[in-house]
Amino acid sequence: LDAYLKHGQGHERTPGFNHLTVREREIVQL
């Protein structure tokens, strides 16, 4: 909780699967 509150919304997060292109998603799966 402290970490979440400390970093809040300005914290840099790793983008998820939805940030990949369709081709990149195919390649991840394969």
PDB file of all heavy atoms in Angstrom:
ATOM      1  N   LEU A   1       0.828  -1.200   0.000  1.00  0.00           N
ATOM      2  CA  LEU A   1       0.000   0.000   0.000  1.00  0.00           C
ATOM      3  C   LEU A   1       0.865   1.254   0.000  1.00  0.00           C
ATOM      4  O   LEU A   1       0.614   2.193  -0.764  1.00  0.00           O
ATOM      5  CB  LEU A   1      -0.937   0.000   1.207  1.00  0.00           C
ATOM      6  CG  LEU A   1      -1.820   1.239   1.347  1.00  0.00           C
ATOM      7  CD1 LEU A   1      -2.749   1.380   0.142  1.00  0.00           C
ATOM      8  CD2 LEU A   1      -2.624   1.169   2.644  1.00  0.00           C
ATOM      9  N   ASP A   2       1.900   1.276   0.844  1.00  0.00           N
ATOM     10  CA  ASP A   2       2.804   2.424   0.888  1.00  0.00           C
ATOM     11  C   ASP A   2       3.454   2.665  -0.469  1.00  0.00           C
ATOM     12  O   ASP A   2       3.566   3.806  -0.927  1.00  0.00           O
ATOM     13  CB  ASP A   2       3.882   2.229   1.955  1.00  0.00           C
ATOM     14  CG  ASP A   2       3.341   2.326   3.377  1.00  0.00           C
ATOM     15  OD1 ASP A   2       2.190   2.771   3.557  1.00  0.00           O
ATOM     16  OD2 ASP A   2       4.082   1.920   4.302  1.00  0.00           O
ATOM     17  N   ALA A   3       3.871   1.590  -1.132  1.00  0.00           N
ATOM     18  CA  ALA A   3       4.495   1.716  -2.446  1.00  0.00           C
ATOM     19  C   ALA A   3       3.505   2.262  -3.461  1.00  0.00           C
ATOM     20  O   ALA A   3       3.830   3.133  -4.269  1.00  0.00           O
ATOM     21  CB  ALA A   3       5.030   0.364  -2.911  1.00  0.00           C
ATOM     22  N   TYR A   4       2.273   1.762  -3.413  1.00  0.00           N
ATOM     23  CA  TYR A   4       1.250   2.235  -4.335  1.00  0.00           C
ATOM     24  C   TYR A   4       0.980   3.718  -4.124  1.00  0.00           C
ATOM     25  O   TYR A   4       0.930   4.494  -5.076  1.00  0.00           O
ATOM     26  CB  TYR A   4      -0.040   1.430  -4.151  1.00  0.00           C
ATOM     27  CG  TYR A   4      -1.161   1.934  -5.013  1.00  0.00           C
ATOM     28  CD1 TYR A   4      -1.213   1.614  -6.370  1.00  0.00           C
ATOM     29  CD2 TYR A   4      -2.156   2.742  -4.484  1.00  0.00           C
ATOM     30  CE1 TYR A   4      -2.234   2.090  -7.172  1.00  0.00           C
ATOM     31  CE2 TYR A   4      -3.179   3.221  -5.274  1.00  0.00           C
ATOM     32  CZ  TYR A   4      -3.216   2.896  -6.622  1.00  0.00           C
ATOM     33  OH  TYR A   4      -4.219   3.377  -7.408  1.00  0.00           O
ATOM     34  N   LEU A   5       0.820   4.115  -2.870  1.00  0.00           N
ATOM     35  CA  LEU A   5       0.542   5.512  -2.574  1.00  0.00           C
ATOM     36  C   LEU A   5       1.732   6.407  -2.903  1.00  0.00           C
ATOM     37  O   LEU A   5       1.557   7.531  -3.361  1.00  0.00           O
ATOM     38  CB  LEU A   5       0.145   5.669  -1.107  1.00  0.00           C
ATOM     39  CG  LEU A   5      -1.176   5.001  -0.707  1.00  0.00           C
ATOM     40  CD1 LEU A   5      -1.378   5.097   0.798  1.00  0.00           C
ATOM     41  CD2 LEU A   5      -2.349   5.589  -1.467  1.00  0.00           C
ATOM     42  N   LYS A   6       2.927   5.900  -2.675  1.00  0.00           N
ATOM     43  CA  LYS A   6       4.148   6.659  -2.952  1.00  0.00           C
ATOM     44  C   LYS A   6       4.301   6.937  -4.442  1.00  0.00           C
ATOM     45  O   LYS A   6       4.612   8.042  -4.857  1.00  0.00           O
ATOM     46  CB  LYS A   6       5.367   5.875  -2.450  1.00  0.00           C
ATOM     47  CG  LYS A   6       6.702   6.514  -2.754  1.00  0.00           C
ATOM     48  CD  LYS A   6       7.821   5.633  -2.218  1.00  0.00           C
ATOM     49  CE  LYS A   6       9.174   6.065  -2.715  1.00  0.00           C
ATOM     50  NZ  LYS A   6      10.215   5.128  -2.308  1.00  0.00           N
ATOM     51  N   HIS A   7       4.048   5.921  -5.256  1.00  0.00           N
ATOM     52  CA  HIS A   7       4.256   6.061  -6.695  1.00  0.00           C
ATOM     53  C   HIS A   7       3.013   6.573  -7.404  1.00  0.00           C
ATOM     54  O   HIS A   7       3.118   7.173  -8.460  1.00  0.00           O
ATOM     55  CB  HIS A   7       4.701   4.733  -7.306  1.00  0.00           C
ATOM     56  CG  HIS A   7       6.029   4.289  -6.792  1.00  0.00           C
ATOM     57  ND1 HIS A   7       7.180   4.985  -7.015  1.00  0.00           N
ATOM     58  CD2 HIS A   7       6.369   3.230  -6.035  1.00  0.00           C
ATOM     59  CE1 HIS A   7       8.188   4.370  -6.427  1.00  0.00           C
ATOM     60  NE2 HIS A   7       7.719   3.303  -5.828  1.00  0.00           N
ATOM     61  N   GLY A   8       1.871   6.314  -6.849  1.00  0.00           N
ATOM     62  CA  GLY A   8       0.617   6.840  -7.364  1.00  0.00           C
ATOM     63  C   GLY A   8       0.466   6.744  -8.865  1.00  0.00           C
ATOM     64  O   GLY A   8       0.964   5.840  -9.515  1.00  0.00           O
ATOM     65  N   GLN A   9      -0.207   7.719  -9.413  1.00  0.00           N
ATOM     66  CA  GLN A   9      -0.515   7.700 -10.828  1.00  0.00           C
ATOM     67  C   GLN A   9       0.666   8.146 -11.694  1.00  0.00           C
ATOM     68  O   GLN A   9       0.679   7.879 -12.879  1.00  0.00           O
ATOM     69  CB  GLN A   9      -1.722   8.582 -11.090  1.00  0.00           C
ATOM     70  CG  GLN A   9      -2.950   8.035 -10.391  1.00  0.00           C
ATOM     71  CD  GLN A   9      -4.107   8.989 -10.449  1.00  0.00           C
ATOM     72  OE1 GLN A   9      -3.929  10.201 -10.562  1.00  0.00           O
ATOM     73  NE2 GLN A   9      -5.308   8.460 -10.358  1.00  0.00           N
ATOM     74  N   GLY A  10       1.625   8.826 -11.139  1.00  0.00           N
ATOM     75  CA  GLY A  10       2.767   9.278 -11.913  1.00  0.00           C
ATOM     76  C   GLY A  10       3.808   8.198 -12.110  1.00  0.00           C
ATOM     77  O   GLY A  10       4.775   8.386 -12.824  1.00  0.00           O
ATOM     78  N   HIS A  11       3.605   7.039 -11.486  1.00  0.00           N
ATOM     79  CA  HIS A  11       4.585   5.950 -11.569  1.00  0.00           C
ATOM     80  C   HIS A  11       4.623   5.367 -12.978  1.00  0.00           C
ATOM     81  O   HIS A  11       3.595   5.080 -13.572  1.00  0.00           O
ATOM     82  CB  HIS A  11       4.225   4.868 -10.553  1.00  0.00           C
ATOM     83  CG  HIS A  11       5.197   3.734 -10.510  1.00  0.00           C
ATOM     84  ND1 HIS A  11       6.511   3.907 -10.180  1.00  0.00           N
ATOM     85  CD2 HIS A  11       5.045   2.426 -10.765  1.00  0.00           C
ATOM     86  CE1 HIS A  11       7.129   2.733 -10.222  1.00  0.00           C
ATOM     87  NE2 HIS A  11       6.261   1.825 -10.579  1.00  0.00           N
ATOM     88  N   GLU A  12       5.791   5.211 -13.508  1.00  0.00           N
ATOM     89  CA  GLU A  12       5.994   4.601 -14.827  1.00  0.00           C
ATOM     90  C   GLU A  12       5.701   3.116 -14.733  1.00  0.00           C
ATOM     91  O   GLU A  12       6.304   2.401 -13.973  1.00  0.00           O
ATOM     92  CB  GLU A  12       7.454   4.813 -15.264  1.00  0.00           C
ATOM     93  CG  GLU A  12       7.760   4.379 -16.664  1.00  0.00           C
ATOM     94  CD  GLU A  12       7.241   5.337 -17.693  1.00  0.00           C
ATOM     95  OE1 GLU A  12       7.020   6.505 -17.359  1.00  0.00           O
ATOM     96  OE2 GLU A  12       7.051   4.914 -18.840  1.00  0.00           O
ATOM     97  N   ARG A  13       4.756   2.637 -15.509  1.00  0.00           N
ATOM     98  CA  ARG A  13       4.389   1.228 -15.502  1.00  0.00           C
ATOM     99  C   ARG A  13       4.748   0.601 -16.834  1.00  0.00           C
ATOM    100  O   ARG A  13       4.705   1.237 -17.859  1.00  0.00           O
ATOM    101  CB  ARG A  13       2.894   1.058 -15.231  1.00  0.00           C
ATOM    102  CG  ARG A  13       2.513   1.564 -13.864  1.00  0.00           C
ATOM    103  CD  ARG A  13       1.025   1.411 -13.644  1.00  0.00           C
ATOM    104  NE  ARG A  13       0.612   2.194 -12.494  1.00  0.00           N
ATOM    105  CZ  ARG A  13       0.580   1.754 -11.268  1.00  0.00           C
ATOM    106  NH1 ARG A  13       0.939   0.547 -10.993  1.00  0.00           N
ATOM    107  NH2 ARG A  13       0.195   2.521 -10.280  1.00  0.00           N
ATOM    108  N   THR A  14       5.059  -0.689 -16.784  1.00  0.00           N
ATOM    109  CA  THR A  14       5.357  -1.421 -18.002  1.00  0.00           C
ATOM    110  C   THR A  14       4.067  -1.620 -18.776  1.00  0.00           C
ATOM    111  O   THR A  14       3.087  -2.100 -18.225  1.00  0.00           O
ATOM    112  CB  THR A  14       5.963  -2.798 -17.672  1.00  0.00           C
ATOM    113  OG1 THR A  14       7.109  -2.592 -16.872  1.00  0.00           O
ATOM    114  CG2 THR A  14       6.345  -3.553 -18.920  1.00  0.00           C
ATOM    115  N   PRO A  15       4.036  -1.241 -20.053  1.00  0.00           N
ATOM    116  CA  PRO A  15       2.811  -1.422 -20.824  1.00  0.00           C
ATOM    117  C   PRO A  15       2.466  -2.893 -20.954  1.00  0.00           C
ATOM    118  O   PRO A  15       3.330  -3.755 -20.971  1.00  0.00           O
ATOM    119  CB  PRO A  15       3.135  -0.815 -22.182  1.00  0.00           C
ATOM    120  CG  PRO A  15       4.569  -0.498 -22.191  1.00  0.00           C
ATOM    121  CD  PRO A  15       5.098  -0.655 -20.808  1.00  0.00           C
ATOM    122  N   GLY A  16       1.194  -3.178 -21.051  1.00  0.00           N
ATOM    123  CA  GLY A  16       0.748  -4.552 -21.137  1.00  0.00           C
ATOM    124  C   GLY A  16       0.585  -5.043 -22.557  1.00  0.00           C
ATOM    125  O   GLY A  16       0.961  -4.379 -23.530  1.00  0.00           O
ATOM    126  N   PHE A  17      -0.019  -6.204 -22.653  1.00  0.00           N
ATOM    127  CA  PHE A  17      -0.222  -6.896 -23.924  1.00  0.00           C
ATOM    128  C   PHE A  17      -1.009  -6.036 -24.901  1.00  0.00           C
ATOM    129  O   PHE A  17      -0.774  -6.078 -26.105  1.00  0.00           O
ATOM    130  CB  PHE A  17      -0.945  -8.214 -23.650  1.00  0.00           C
ATOM    131  CG  PHE A  17      -0.946  -9.169 -24.788  1.00  0.00           C
ATOM    132  CD1 PHE A  17       0.236  -9.760 -25.222  1.00  0.00           C
ATOM    133  CD2 PHE A  17      -2.120  -9.503 -25.437  1.00  0.00           C
ATOM    134  CE1 PHE A  17       0.249 -10.655 -26.276  1.00  0.00           C
ATOM    135  CE2 PHE A  17      -2.126 -10.396 -26.485  1.00  0.00           C
ATOM    136  CZ  PHE A  17      -0.940 -10.976 -26.906  1.00  0.00           C
ATOM    137  N   ASN A  18      -1.933  -5.222 -24.411  1.00  0.00           N
ATOM    138  CA  ASN A  18      -2.757  -4.383 -25.282  1.00  0.00           C
ATOM    139  C   ASN A  18      -1.961  -3.291 -25.986  1.00  0.00           C
ATOM    140  O   ASN A  18      -2.448  -2.702 -26.946  1.00  0.00           O
ATOM    141  CB  ASN A  18      -3.913  -3.767 -24.501  1.00  0.00           C
ATOM    142  CG  ASN A  18      -4.897  -4.811 -24.033  1.00  0.00           C
ATOM    143  OD1 ASN A  18      -5.036  -5.861 -24.648  1.00  0.00           O
ATOM    144  ND2 ASN A  18      -5.577  -4.538 -22.944  1.00  0.00           N
ATOM    145  N   HIS A  19      -0.744  -3.009 -25.519  1.00  0.00           N
ATOM    146  CA  HIS A  19       0.093  -1.992 -26.144  1.00  0.00           C
ATOM    147  C   HIS A  19       0.927  -2.553 -27.290  1.00  0.00           C
ATOM    148  O   HIS A  19       1.662  -1.824 -27.935  1.00  0.00           O
ATOM    149  CB  HIS A  19       1.000  -1.329 -25.098  1.00  0.00           C
ATOM    150  CG  HIS A  19       0.240  -0.454 -24.156  1.00  0.00           C
ATOM    151  ND1 HIS A  19      -0.447  -0.967 -23.076  1.00  0.00           N
ATOM    152  CD2 HIS A  19       0.029   0.875 -24.139  1.00  0.00           C
ATOM    153  CE1 HIS A  19      -1.030   0.032 -22.439  1.00  0.00           C
ATOM    154  NE2 HIS A  19      -0.764   1.145 -23.052  1.00  0.00           N
ATOM    155  N   LEU A  20       0.814  -3.852 -27.516  1.00  0.00           N
ATOM    156  CA  LEU A  20       1.552  -4.477 -28.612  1.00  0.00           C
ATOM    157  C   LEU A  20       0.719  -4.408 -29.887  1.00  0.00           C
ATOM    158  O   LEU A  20      -0.507  -4.403 -29.840  1.00  0.00           O
ATOM    159  CB  LEU A  20       1.856  -5.944 -28.284  1.00  0.00           C
ATOM    160  CG  LEU A  20       2.687  -6.224 -27.036  1.00  0.00           C
ATOM    161  CD1 LEU A  20       2.848  -7.725 -26.855  1.00  0.00           C
ATOM    162  CD2 LEU A  20       4.037  -5.544 -27.108  1.00  0.00           C
ATOM    163  N   THR A  21       1.418  -4.393 -31.028  1.00  0.00           N
ATOM    164  CA  THR A  21       0.710  -4.438 -32.305  1.00  0.00           C
ATOM    165  C   THR A  21       0.132  -5.838 -32.504  1.00  0.00           C
ATOM    166  O   THR A  21       0.514  -6.787 -31.810  1.00  0.00           O
ATOM    167  CB  THR A  21       1.658  -4.115 -33.475  1.00  0.00           C
ATOM    168  OG1 THR A  21       2.632  -5.168 -33.572  1.00  0.00           O
ATOM    169  CG2 THR A  21       2.351  -2.765 -33.292  1.00  0.00           C
ATOM    170  N   VAL A  22      -0.760  -5.971 -33.460  1.00  0.00           N
ATOM    171  CA  VAL A  22      -1.355  -7.274 -33.750  1.00  0.00           C
ATOM    172  C   VAL A  22      -0.260  -8.277 -34.114  1.00  0.00           C
ATOM    173  O   VAL A  22      -0.262  -9.417 -33.641  1.00  0.00           O
ATOM    174  CB  VAL A  22      -2.394  -7.158 -34.901  1.00  0.00           C
ATOM    175  CG1 VAL A  22      -2.895  -8.530 -35.331  1.00  0.00           C
ATOM    176  CG2 VAL A  22      -3.552  -6.280 -34.460  1.00  0.00           C
ATOM    177  N   ARG A  23       0.706  -7.868 -34.928  1.00  0.00           N
ATOM    178  CA  ARG A  23       1.803  -8.758 -35.329  1.00  0.00           C
ATOM    179  C   ARG A  23       2.633  -9.159 -34.122  1.00  0.00           C
ATOM    180  O   ARG A  23       3.015 -10.314 -33.970  1.00  0.00           O
ATOM    181  CB  ARG A  23       2.674  -8.076 -36.396  1.00  0.00           C
ATOM    182  CG  ARG A  23       3.870  -8.889 -36.846  1.00  0.00           C
ATOM    183  CD  ARG A  23       3.450 -10.180 -37.511  1.00  0.00           C
ATOM    184  NE  ARG A  23       3.023  -9.907 -38.857  1.00  0.00           N
ATOM    185  CZ  ARG A  23       2.689 -10.837 -39.740  1.00  0.00           C
ATOM    186  NH1 ARG A  23       2.764 -12.105 -39.438  1.00  0.00           N
ATOM    187  NH2 ARG A  23       2.287 -10.508 -40.929  1.00  0.00           N
ATOM    188  N   GLU A  24       2.929  -8.195 -33.236  1.00  0.00           N
ATOM    189  CA  GLU A  24       3.702  -8.507 -32.036  1.00  0.00           C
ATOM    190  C   GLU A  24       2.953  -9.500 -31.155  1.00  0.00           C
ATOM    191  O   GLU A  24       3.560 -10.403 -30.582  1.00  0.00           O
ATOM    192  CB  GLU A  24       4.018  -7.220 -31.261  1.00  0.00           C
ATOM    193  CG  GLU A  24       5.054  -6.339 -31.944  1.00  0.00           C
ATOM    194  CD  GLU A  24       5.215  -4.985 -31.300  1.00  0.00           C
ATOM    195  OE1 GLU A  24       4.300  -4.518 -30.585  1.00  0.00           O
ATOM    196  OE2 GLU A  24       6.267  -4.359 -31.519  1.00  0.00           O
ATOM    197  N   ARG A  25       1.645  -9.373 -31.061  1.00  0.00           N
ATOM    198  CA  ARG A  25       0.846 -10.319 -30.272  1.00  0.00           C
ATOM    199  C   ARG A  25       0.930 -11.720 -30.864  1.00  0.00           C
ATOM    200  O   ARG A  25       1.045 -12.704 -30.128  1.00  0.00           O
ATOM    201  CB  ARG A  25      -0.612  -9.876 -30.219  1.00  0.00           C
ATOM    202  CG  ARG A  25      -0.835  -8.639 -29.397  1.00  0.00           C
ATOM    203  CD  ARG A  25      -2.278  -8.234 -29.422  1.00  0.00           C
ATOM    204  NE  ARG A  25      -2.424  -6.873 -28.938  1.00  0.00           N
ATOM    205  CZ  ARG A  25      -3.563  -6.245 -28.863  1.00  0.00           C
ATOM    206  NH1 ARG A  25      -4.680  -6.837 -29.245  1.00  0.00           N
ATOM    207  NH2 ARG A  25      -3.617  -5.013 -28.415  1.00  0.00           N
ATOM    208  N   GLU A  26       0.878 -11.810 -32.184  1.00  0.00           N
ATOM    209  CA  GLU A  26       1.017 -13.114 -32.847  1.00  0.00           C
ATOM    210  C   GLU A  26       2.367 -13.735 -32.507  1.00  0.00           C
ATOM    211  O   GLU A  26       2.455 -14.924 -32.198  1.00  0.00           O
ATOM    212  CB  GLU A  26       0.929 -12.962 -34.370  1.00  0.00           C
ATOM    213  CG  GLU A  26      -0.429 -12.636 -34.910  1.00  0.00           C
ATOM    214  CD  GLU A  26      -0.393 -12.395 -36.409  1.00  0.00           C
ATOM    215  OE1 GLU A  26       0.485 -11.653 -36.889  1.00  0.00           O
ATOM    216  OE2 GLU A  26      -1.259 -12.962 -37.098  1.00  0.00           O
ATOM    217  N   ILE A  27       3.391 -12.919 -32.572  1.00  0.00           N
ATOM    218  CA  ILE A  27       4.745 -13.407 -32.327  1.00  0.00           C
ATOM    219  C   ILE A  27       4.910 -13.825 -30.866  1.00  0.00           C
ATOM    220  O   ILE A  27       5.518 -14.856 -30.579  1.00  0.00           O
ATOM    221  CB  ILE A  27       5.790 -12.363 -32.772  1.00  0.00           C
ATOM    222  CG1 ILE A  27       5.758 -12.264 -34.306  1.00  0.00           C
ATOM    223  CG2 ILE A  27       7.182 -12.699 -32.253  1.00  0.00           C
ATOM    224  CD1 ILE A  27       6.571 -11.149 -34.896  1.00  0.00           C
ATOM    225  N   VAL A  28       4.352 -13.055 -29.916  1.00  0.00           N
ATOM    226  CA  VAL A  28       4.403 -13.440 -28.506  1.00  0.00           C
ATOM    227  C   VAL A  28       3.783 -14.816 -28.335  1.00  0.00           C
ATOM    228  O   VAL A  28       4.357 -15.706 -27.693  1.00  0.00           O
ATOM    229  CB  VAL A  28       3.670 -12.419 -27.601  1.00  0.00           C
ATOM    230  CG1 VAL A  28       3.435 -12.985 -26.209  1.00  0.00           C
ATOM    231  CG2 VAL A  28       4.441 -11.123 -27.517  1.00  0.00           C
ATOM    232  N   GLN A  29       2.609 -15.012 -28.913  1.00  0.00           N
ATOM    233  CA  GLN A  29       1.920 -16.289 -28.768  1.00  0.00           C
ATOM    234  C   GLN A  29       2.753 -17.430 -29.340  1.00  0.00           C
ATOM    235  O   GLN A  29       2.938 -18.460 -28.691  1.00  0.00           O
ATOM    236  CB  GLN A  29       0.559 -16.250 -29.456  1.00  0.00           C
ATOM    237  CG  GLN A  29      -0.209 -17.543 -29.273  1.00  0.00           C
ATOM    238  CD  GLN A  29      -1.614 -17.474 -29.815  1.00  0.00           C
ATOM    239  OE1 GLN A  29      -2.059 -16.459 -30.314  1.00  0.00           O
ATOM    240  NE2 GLN A  29      -2.320 -18.581 -29.695  1.00  0.00           N
ATOM    241  N   LEU A  30       3.291 -17.257 -30.526  1.00  0.00           N
ATOM    242  CA  LEU A  30       4.060 -18.326 -31.162  1.00  0.00           C
ATOM    243  C   LEU A  30       5.354 -18.625 -30.402  1.00  0.00           C
ATOM    244  O   LEU A  30       5.709 -19.787 -30.199  1.00  0.00           O
ATOM    245  CB  LEU A  30       4.344 -17.976 -32.622  1.00  0.00           C
ATOM    246  CG  LEU A  30       3.092 -17.919 -33.523  1.00  0.00           C
ATOM    247  CD1 LEU A  30       3.439 -17.312 -34.880  1.00  0.00           C
ATOM    248  CD2 LEU A  30       2.477 -19.297 -33.674  1.00  0.00           C
TER     249      LEU A  30
END
